[in-house]
Protein backbone atom coordinates (compact mmCIF):
# COMPACT_ATOMS: atom_id res chain seq x y z
CA MET A 1 64.69 150.66 56.44
CA LEU A 2 66.19 153.84 58.16
CA LEU A 3 63.79 153.36 61.19
CA TRP A 4 65.10 149.86 61.62
CA ILE A 5 68.78 151.04 61.58
CA LYS A 6 68.26 153.65 64.25
CA LEU A 7 66.66 150.67 66.37
CA GLY A 8 69.21 148.63 65.65
CA TRP A 9 71.91 151.30 66.85
CA ARG A 10 70.10 152.03 69.95
CA ASN A 11 69.74 148.29 70.83
CA LEU A 12 73.33 147.77 70.25
CA TRP A 13 74.57 150.17 73.01
CA ARG A 14 72.34 148.77 75.83
CA ASN A 15 75.43 146.67 76.90
CA ARG A 16 78.45 148.79 75.43
CA ARG A 17 81.10 146.40 76.94
CA ARG A 18 79.90 143.35 75.03
CA SER A 19 79.20 145.35 71.67
CA ILE A 20 82.72 146.92 71.70
CA ILE A 21 84.26 143.75 72.44
CA GLU A 22 82.35 142.22 69.27
CA LEU A 23 83.11 145.35 67.18
CA THR A 24 86.84 145.13 68.11
CA SER A 25 86.71 141.40 66.89
CA ILE A 26 84.85 142.19 63.84
CA ALA A 27 87.37 145.31 62.88
CA GLY A 28 90.38 143.37 63.93
CA SER A 29 89.33 140.55 61.46
CA ILE A 30 88.87 142.83 58.69
CA PHE A 31 91.93 144.73 59.20
CA LEU A 32 94.03 141.43 59.26
CA ALA A 33 92.10 140.12 56.27
CA VAL A 34 92.38 143.04 54.09
CA PHE A 35 95.72 144.03 55.03
CA MET A 36 97.29 140.70 54.62
CA ASN A 37 95.54 140.11 51.44
CA ASN A 38 96.84 143.34 50.20
CA LEU A 39 100.42 142.52 51.41
CA ALA A 40 100.32 138.86 49.95
CA LYS A 41 99.04 140.15 46.52
CA GLY A 42 101.86 142.70 46.38
CA SER A 43 104.51 140.18 47.39
CA TYR A 44 103.26 137.85 44.66
CA ALA A 45 103.37 140.66 42.02
CA GLN A 46 106.87 141.64 43.11
CA MET A 47 107.94 138.00 43.31
CA VAL A 48 106.85 137.63 39.69
CA ARG A 49 108.37 140.66 38.56
CA ASP A 50 111.90 139.69 40.32
CA ALA A 51 111.40 136.00 38.78
CA VAL A 52 110.88 137.07 35.38
CA LYS A 53 113.94 139.21 35.35
CA MET A 54 116.40 136.35 35.97
CA GLY A 55 114.28 133.61 34.88
CA SER A 56 112.20 133.16 31.72
CA GLY A 57 110.93 136.60 31.30
CA HIS A 58 106.89 137.13 30.86
CA ILE A 59 107.32 134.73 28.19
CA GLY A 60 110.20 132.10 27.56
CA LEU A 61 111.01 130.29 24.25
CA TYR A 62 112.69 126.61 24.73
CA ARG A 63 113.16 123.32 22.84
CA SER A 64 109.84 121.20 23.62
CA GLU A 65 111.56 119.09 26.22
CA TYR A 66 113.95 121.51 27.66
CA LEU A 67 111.99 122.32 30.67
CA GLU A 68 111.10 118.74 31.76
CA LEU A 69 114.74 117.34 30.84
CA ARG A 70 117.22 120.32 31.25
CA LYS A 71 119.60 118.52 28.65
CA SER A 72 122.42 120.61 27.67
CA GLU A 73 122.06 119.65 24.04
CA LEU A 74 118.79 121.11 23.50
CA THR A 75 119.59 124.26 22.17
CA PHE A 76 118.31 126.38 19.18
CA SER A 77 119.50 129.29 17.16
CA ALA A 78 118.34 132.50 18.74
CA GLY A 79 119.68 135.25 16.38
CA GLU A 80 116.82 135.38 13.83
CA ILE A 81 114.03 134.92 16.65
CA VAL A 82 115.65 137.68 18.95
CA SER A 83 115.74 140.17 16.06
CA GLU A 84 112.16 139.60 15.26
CA ILE A 85 110.75 139.72 18.52
CA GLU A 86 112.55 142.87 19.35
CA LYS A 87 110.47 144.42 16.47
CA GLU A 88 107.21 143.65 18.32
CA PRO A 89 105.90 146.81 20.08
CA GLY A 90 105.47 146.38 23.75
CA VAL A 91 108.36 144.24 24.06
CA THR A 92 111.06 146.04 26.44
CA GLY A 93 113.81 143.10 26.14
CA VAL A 94 114.59 139.83 24.80
CA PHE A 95 117.40 137.97 26.40
CA PRO A 96 119.00 134.80 24.88
CA ARG A 97 120.80 132.51 27.47
CA LEU A 98 122.79 129.54 28.05
CA HIS A 99 122.80 127.11 30.91
CA VAL A 100 125.51 124.52 30.91
CA PRO A 101 126.48 122.35 33.77
CA GLY A 102 130.38 122.05 34.27
CA LEU A 103 133.39 121.94 36.17
CA ILE A 104 135.26 124.94 37.56
CA ARG A 105 139.03 124.24 38.47
CA SER A 106 141.46 126.60 40.21
CA SER A 107 145.09 125.69 40.97
CA ARG A 108 143.61 124.59 44.40
CA GLU A 109 140.55 123.16 44.18
CA SER A 110 137.64 121.92 41.50
CA ARG A 111 133.94 122.34 42.10
CA THR A 112 130.93 121.32 39.96
CA THR A 113 128.97 124.44 38.60
CA VAL A 114 126.32 125.97 36.50
CA VAL A 115 127.68 128.18 33.78
CA ILE A 116 125.34 130.64 32.49
CA GLY A 117 125.98 132.61 29.12
CA LEU A 118 124.65 135.97 29.18
CA ASP A 119 124.75 139.25 26.63
CA PHE A 120 126.02 141.40 29.50
CA SER A 121 125.18 144.46 27.71
CA ARG A 122 121.83 143.54 26.79
CA GLU A 123 120.64 142.46 30.29
CA GLN A 124 122.40 145.00 32.54
CA GLY A 125 119.72 147.14 34.28
CA ILE A 126 117.29 144.27 33.88
CA ASN A 127 119.02 141.16 35.30
CA PRO A 128 119.42 141.47 39.24
CA ILE A 129 122.92 139.48 39.23
CA LEU A 130 124.07 142.14 37.14
CA ASP A 131 123.21 145.08 39.22
CA LYS A 132 126.25 146.82 41.13
CA SER A 133 124.66 146.02 44.57
CA LYS A 134 125.29 142.61 43.93
CA ILE A 135 128.83 142.88 42.91
CA SER A 136 130.75 142.65 45.95
CA GLU A 137 134.24 143.29 44.24
CA GLY A 138 135.30 143.94 40.77
CA GLU A 139 132.66 144.83 38.19
CA VAL A 140 130.79 143.17 35.18
CA PRO A 141 132.91 142.30 32.24
CA GLU A 142 132.89 144.46 29.18
CA ASP A 143 131.50 142.94 25.73
CA ASP A 144 134.91 143.31 24.30
CA ASN A 145 136.46 140.84 27.00
CA PRO A 146 135.65 137.34 26.03
CA ARG A 147 137.36 135.78 28.77
CA GLY A 148 135.79 138.01 31.66
CA ALA A 149 133.52 136.23 34.18
CA LEU A 150 131.57 136.62 37.17
CA VAL A 151 131.87 134.11 39.99
CA GLY A 152 129.84 133.55 42.99
CA ALA A 153 131.65 135.00 46.03
CA ASP A 154 131.38 131.98 48.03
CA LEU A 155 132.49 129.64 45.24
CA ALA A 156 135.57 131.91 44.64
CA GLU A 157 136.22 131.61 48.17
CA ASP A 158 136.13 127.85 48.41
CA LEU A 159 138.62 127.74 45.17
CA GLY A 160 140.95 130.38 46.53
CA LEU A 161 140.12 132.93 43.74
CA SER A 162 139.92 136.60 43.78
CA VAL A 163 139.32 139.03 41.15
CA GLY A 164 141.75 139.17 38.54
CA LYS A 165 142.59 135.53 39.05
CA LYS A 166 142.30 132.70 36.22
CA PHE A 167 140.16 129.91 36.37
CA VAL A 168 139.24 126.95 33.89
CA ILE A 169 135.60 125.92 32.92
CA MET A 170 135.20 122.29 31.67
CA VAL A 171 131.89 121.32 29.99
CA GLN A 172 130.66 118.84 27.28
CA ASP A 173 130.51 120.27 23.98
CA ALA A 174 128.26 119.68 20.96
CA HIS A 175 129.92 116.26 20.36
CA GLY A 176 129.91 114.97 23.72
CA ASP A 177 133.71 115.68 24.22
CA ILE A 178 135.08 117.43 27.07
CA ALA A 179 135.95 121.21 26.31
CA SER A 180 137.60 123.60 28.55
CA ARG A 181 138.37 127.47 28.19
CA LEU A 182 140.45 129.82 30.41
CA PHE A 183 138.64 132.63 31.98
CA ARG A 184 139.67 135.66 34.33
CA ILE A 185 137.46 136.71 37.02
CA SER A 186 136.21 140.29 36.41
CA GLY A 187 133.74 140.67 39.66
CA LEU A 188 132.30 138.43 42.43
CA ILE A 189 128.61 138.23 42.96
CA LYS A 190 127.26 138.51 46.55
CA SER A 191 123.48 138.07 46.25
CA ASN A 192 122.70 136.49 49.70
CA ALA A 193 121.22 133.48 47.70
CA SER A 194 123.15 130.34 48.28
CA MET A 195 122.37 128.74 44.96
CA ILE A 196 124.06 131.76 43.24
CA ASP A 197 126.88 132.56 45.69
CA ALA A 198 128.15 129.06 45.87
CA HIS A 199 127.30 127.49 42.44
CA MET A 200 127.09 130.16 39.66
CA VAL A 201 129.54 131.39 37.22
CA VAL A 202 128.35 133.83 34.51
CA VAL A 203 130.46 134.31 31.06
CA PRO A 204 129.71 136.00 27.83
CA ARG A 205 127.17 134.00 25.74
CA TRP A 206 129.24 134.20 22.64
CA THR A 207 132.21 132.61 24.36
CA LEU A 208 130.18 129.70 25.71
CA CYS A 209 128.74 129.25 22.19
CA ASP A 210 132.15 128.68 20.93
CA VAL A 211 133.16 126.47 24.00
CA ILE A 212 130.32 123.87 23.23
CA GLY A 213 130.43 124.36 19.51
CA ARG A 214 127.17 125.81 18.78
CA GLU A 215 127.05 129.16 17.11
CA ASP A 216 124.56 131.56 18.34
CA ALA A 217 123.01 129.27 20.56
CA ALA A 218 120.52 129.49 23.44
CA HIS A 219 118.79 127.25 25.73
CA GLU A 220 116.15 130.00 26.61
CA VAL A 221 115.12 133.21 25.07
CA ALA A 222 113.49 135.59 27.82
CA VAL A 223 110.88 138.08 26.47
CA MET A 224 110.01 141.04 28.89
CA LEU A 225 106.90 142.84 28.36
CA ASP A 226 105.74 146.58 29.15
CA ASP A 227 102.68 145.23 30.95
CA HIS A 228 102.51 142.03 32.69
CA ASN A 229 98.63 141.79 32.05
CA ALA A 230 99.28 141.71 28.16
CA ILE A 231 101.03 138.05 28.17
CA ASP A 232 97.84 136.74 26.69
CA ASP A 233 97.66 138.90 23.82
CA PHE A 234 101.56 138.37 23.03
CA MET A 235 101.60 134.69 23.28
CA PRO A 236 99.89 134.03 19.81
CA ARG A 237 102.31 136.36 18.05
CA ILE A 238 105.38 135.11 20.04
CA SER A 239 104.72 131.38 19.42
CA LYS A 240 104.09 132.12 15.78
CA LEU A 241 107.81 133.75 15.68
CA ALA A 242 109.06 130.72 17.73
CA GLU A 243 107.83 128.42 15.13
CA THR A 244 110.49 129.70 12.78
CA GLU A 245 112.95 127.25 14.46
CA PRO A 246 112.19 123.55 14.62
CA ASP A 247 110.86 122.28 17.96
CA VAL A 248 110.76 125.55 19.59
CA ARG A 249 107.96 126.79 21.83
CA ALA A 250 106.95 129.54 23.59
CA TYR A 251 105.76 129.35 27.42
CA THR A 252 104.27 131.78 29.84
CA TRP A 253 106.30 132.50 32.90
CA ASP A 254 103.87 130.22 35.17
CA LYS A 255 104.52 127.18 32.87
CA ALA A 256 108.41 127.88 32.48
CA MET A 257 108.86 128.49 36.35
CA PRO A 258 106.28 126.21 37.94
CA GLU A 259 108.12 126.34 41.32
CA VAL A 260 107.29 130.07 41.50
CA SER A 261 103.81 129.51 40.40
CA ASN A 262 102.93 126.75 42.74
CA ALA A 263 104.72 128.36 45.53
CA ILE A 264 102.22 131.53 45.32
CA LYS A 265 99.18 129.40 44.73
CA MET A 266 100.14 127.38 47.86
CA ASP A 267 100.57 130.39 50.05
CA TYR A 268 97.42 132.05 48.93
CA ALA A 269 95.63 128.85 49.59
CA GLY A 270 96.95 128.88 53.23
CA PHE A 271 96.04 132.65 53.55
CA GLN A 272 92.38 131.71 52.06
CA PHE A 273 92.23 128.99 54.88
CA MET A 274 93.17 131.25 57.65
CA VAL A 275 90.62 133.90 56.70
CA GLY A 276 88.01 131.36 56.54
CA PHE A 277 88.77 130.19 59.99
CA MET A 278 89.27 133.76 61.44
CA TYR A 279 85.57 134.52 60.00
CA LEU A 280 84.36 131.12 61.57
CA ILE A 281 85.35 132.48 65.23
CA VAL A 282 84.06 135.88 64.25
CA GLY A 283 80.55 134.34 63.23
CA ILE A 284 80.47 132.30 66.31
CA GLY A 285 81.33 135.42 68.55
CA THR A 286 78.48 137.22 66.55
CA ILE A 287 75.72 134.48 67.45
CA ASN A 288 76.73 134.90 71.04
CA THR A 289 76.75 138.51 71.12
CA LEU A 290 73.17 138.49 69.61
CA LEU A 291 71.92 135.74 71.52
CA MET A 292 72.93 137.32 74.83
CA SER A 293 71.19 140.57 73.64
CA VAL A 294 67.99 139.13 72.93
CA MET A 295 67.95 136.79 75.72
CA GLU A 296 68.31 139.98 78.18
CA ARG A 297 65.30 141.63 76.42
CA THR A 298 62.93 138.38 76.15
CA ARG A 299 60.09 140.33 78.09
CA GLU A 300 60.50 143.25 75.98
CA PHE A 301 60.20 140.98 72.89
CA GLY A 302 57.04 139.51 74.48
CA VAL A 303 55.44 142.60 74.89
CA ILE A 304 56.30 144.06 71.47
CA ARG A 305 54.51 140.94 70.01
CA ALA A 306 51.78 141.31 72.46
CA VAL A 307 50.95 144.77 71.07
CA GLY A 308 51.00 143.52 67.29
CA LEU A 309 54.44 143.30 65.96
CA GLY A 310 54.61 140.14 63.82
CA LYS A 311 57.30 137.64 63.37
CA GLY A 312 58.70 139.74 60.31
CA GLY A 313 59.48 142.69 62.57
CA ILE A 314 61.13 140.86 65.31
CA ARG A 315 63.59 139.34 62.92
CA MET A 316 64.16 142.69 61.42
CA MET A 317 65.05 144.07 64.79
CA VAL A 318 67.50 141.22 65.38
CA PHE A 319 68.84 141.65 61.94
CA SER A 320 69.21 145.41 62.04
CA GLU A 321 71.47 145.00 65.11
CA ALA A 322 73.57 142.38 63.44
CA PHE A 323 73.69 144.75 60.24
CA VAL A 324 74.71 147.71 62.58
CA LEU A 325 77.31 145.77 64.43
CA SER A 326 78.86 144.31 61.32
CA VAL A 327 78.72 147.49 59.16
CA ILE A 328 80.51 149.37 61.93
CA GLY A 329 83.16 146.91 62.31
CA VAL A 330 83.94 146.37 58.69
CA ALA A 331 84.15 150.36 58.35
CA ILE A 332 86.78 150.60 61.25
CA GLY A 333 88.76 147.70 59.82
CA MET A 334 88.80 149.22 56.42
CA ILE A 335 89.98 152.60 57.95
CA LEU A 336 92.97 150.84 59.78
CA SER A 337 93.83 148.54 56.99
CA VAL A 338 94.00 151.67 54.53
CA ILE A 339 96.10 153.72 57.02
CA VAL A 340 98.71 150.92 57.35
CA GLY A 341 98.43 150.10 53.86
CA LEU A 342 99.52 153.78 52.82
CA TYR A 343 102.72 152.99 54.54
CA THR A 344 103.39 149.47 53.30
CA SER A 345 102.51 150.40 49.76
CA THR A 346 105.28 153.00 49.46
CA LYS A 347 107.89 152.10 52.37
CA GLY A 348 107.50 148.59 52.44
CA ILE A 349 108.36 146.03 54.88
CA ASP A 350 111.93 144.66 55.22
CA TYR A 351 112.02 141.05 56.02
CA SER A 352 115.74 140.52 54.97
CA PHE A 353 116.53 140.03 59.02
CA MET A 354 114.22 137.23 58.88
CA ILE A 355 115.77 135.16 55.96
CA LYS A 356 119.39 134.44 55.08
CA ASP A 357 118.86 133.08 51.62
CA GLN A 358 117.07 135.47 49.40
CA GLY A 359 117.02 133.04 46.22
CA PHE A 360 114.36 130.46 45.26
CA ALA A 361 113.77 128.56 42.32
CA GLY A 362 116.82 129.84 40.51
CA SER A 363 115.77 133.50 40.91
CA LEU A 364 116.86 136.10 43.13
CA PHE A 365 114.16 138.29 45.22
CA ASP A 366 113.95 141.53 46.72
CA PRO A 367 113.37 141.08 50.56
CA VAL A 368 111.25 143.98 50.81
CA MET A 369 107.66 143.40 50.44
CA TYR A 370 105.09 146.14 49.16
CA SER A 371 101.28 145.81 49.50
CA ILE A 372 98.91 146.74 46.67
CA TRP A 373 95.52 147.95 46.62
CA ASP A 374 93.20 145.09 45.74
CA TRP A 375 90.00 146.92 45.84
CA LYS A 376 87.87 144.14 44.69
CA THR A 377 88.95 141.55 47.14
CA MET A 378 88.61 144.38 49.78
CA GLY A 379 84.86 144.86 49.02
CA LEU A 380 84.48 141.19 48.92
CA LEU A 381 85.86 140.59 52.21
CA GLY A 382 83.55 143.44 53.76
CA VAL A 383 80.36 142.18 52.09
CA CYS A 384 81.10 138.76 53.31
CA MET A 385 81.88 139.82 56.83
CA VAL A 386 78.25 141.75 56.86
CA VAL A 387 76.56 138.48 55.16
CA LEU A 388 78.21 136.46 57.81
CA ALA A 389 76.87 138.72 60.71
CA LEU A 390 73.30 138.47 59.10
CA ALA A 391 73.51 134.78 58.78
CA ALA A 392 74.71 134.57 62.45
CA SER A 393 71.81 136.54 63.50
CA LEU A 394 69.25 133.79 62.16
CA TYR A 395 69.56 131.67 65.20
CA PRO A 396 69.08 134.46 67.95
CA ALA A 397 66.10 135.34 65.81
CA HIS A 398 64.68 131.94 65.75
CA PHE A 399 65.34 131.36 69.32
CA ILE A 400 63.33 134.59 70.51
CA MET A 401 60.62 133.41 67.92
CA LYS A 402 59.87 130.24 69.72
CA ILE A 403 58.99 132.09 73.19
CA ARG A 404 55.32 132.80 73.23
CA PRO A 405 54.26 136.50 74.23
CA ALA A 406 52.29 135.55 77.39
CA GLU A 407 55.12 133.22 78.62
CA ALA A 408 57.92 135.79 77.91
CA MET A 409 55.89 138.61 80.09
CA ARG A 410 55.19 136.13 82.84
CA LYS A 411 58.40 134.21 83.22
CA TYR A 412 61.20 137.01 82.15
């Protein structure tokens, strides 16, 4: 086998320019495929991490029809469930939340809004909208301030409000009547996500429970885990605890936030199509390179066959060239992708200048992408390229086998 590889190496460099062009094509394709795959997988993992913090958590608890209907009356008592789930080892946080559509009124204007009820002290350090970097003015209300509220900066500007100003929230209570409550702005949210900055009001959950007339109520209980990969292990236990409340079900994050899950699946499907098309182009180029190589040496192959080398040996000569060409190209591409990946896995790529809205599907996302090391897929991409090159060598090998030795020596 080593002899065939040496022979393939020597034959490969008979036409340096053509071989270098094809090596560049293979190495470039591997570099793009591996690097973009690692960057995509890293961005997906980060997207999920960001989404679960503000959204459903790794596992979310809801009334059975809430995710489809989003009706305000589909609440449940969260106190006992929260305390029981918090006892589970491996759970880092449990966050009961309310999501109530309503109307916000100032002395100047009124706007429709979504009023979010949170336990501020419980969620600080986890929920990104409570991060200091997202509070442009003021601060997050203290737990002992039942009338304190965070308001989207754009919404406050439309209403002529600022920190310290009062406003009224009007919502529908448990009996279908209109209930209202006076709040004072403690801080303004500037997240660069239009759905948050222009529509969101965040108030203490206990106060919002009192306004709608439902004690210790929640539309959602988000469960955060130490390990994202442990979701399947936790689901049976969390589901059993959820059953302590009538009609409450546990859902994994991809079921609770299908927009995020589907966006990831569609994006990766597009990436796979791109890689497949790129590999097809490389395969065509490899066929052309090897075909030109064997055509230039037709007389040589005729002489070799005349002195006794069989068809299997001829095939091995062509295969060895394809193998050496692909292995060198894959190695160069892998080295380049690792070098660039060392930077993007630690420093990341900031694409905030490309997008103005950093929100999606009700969540806030970090505009800096980091790559990860997906070694399994990296190996698969490399092996597929080598197999593709060997497959591409079948036609050149078949072509040279059709020419008889006597004809090859006489005409070529």
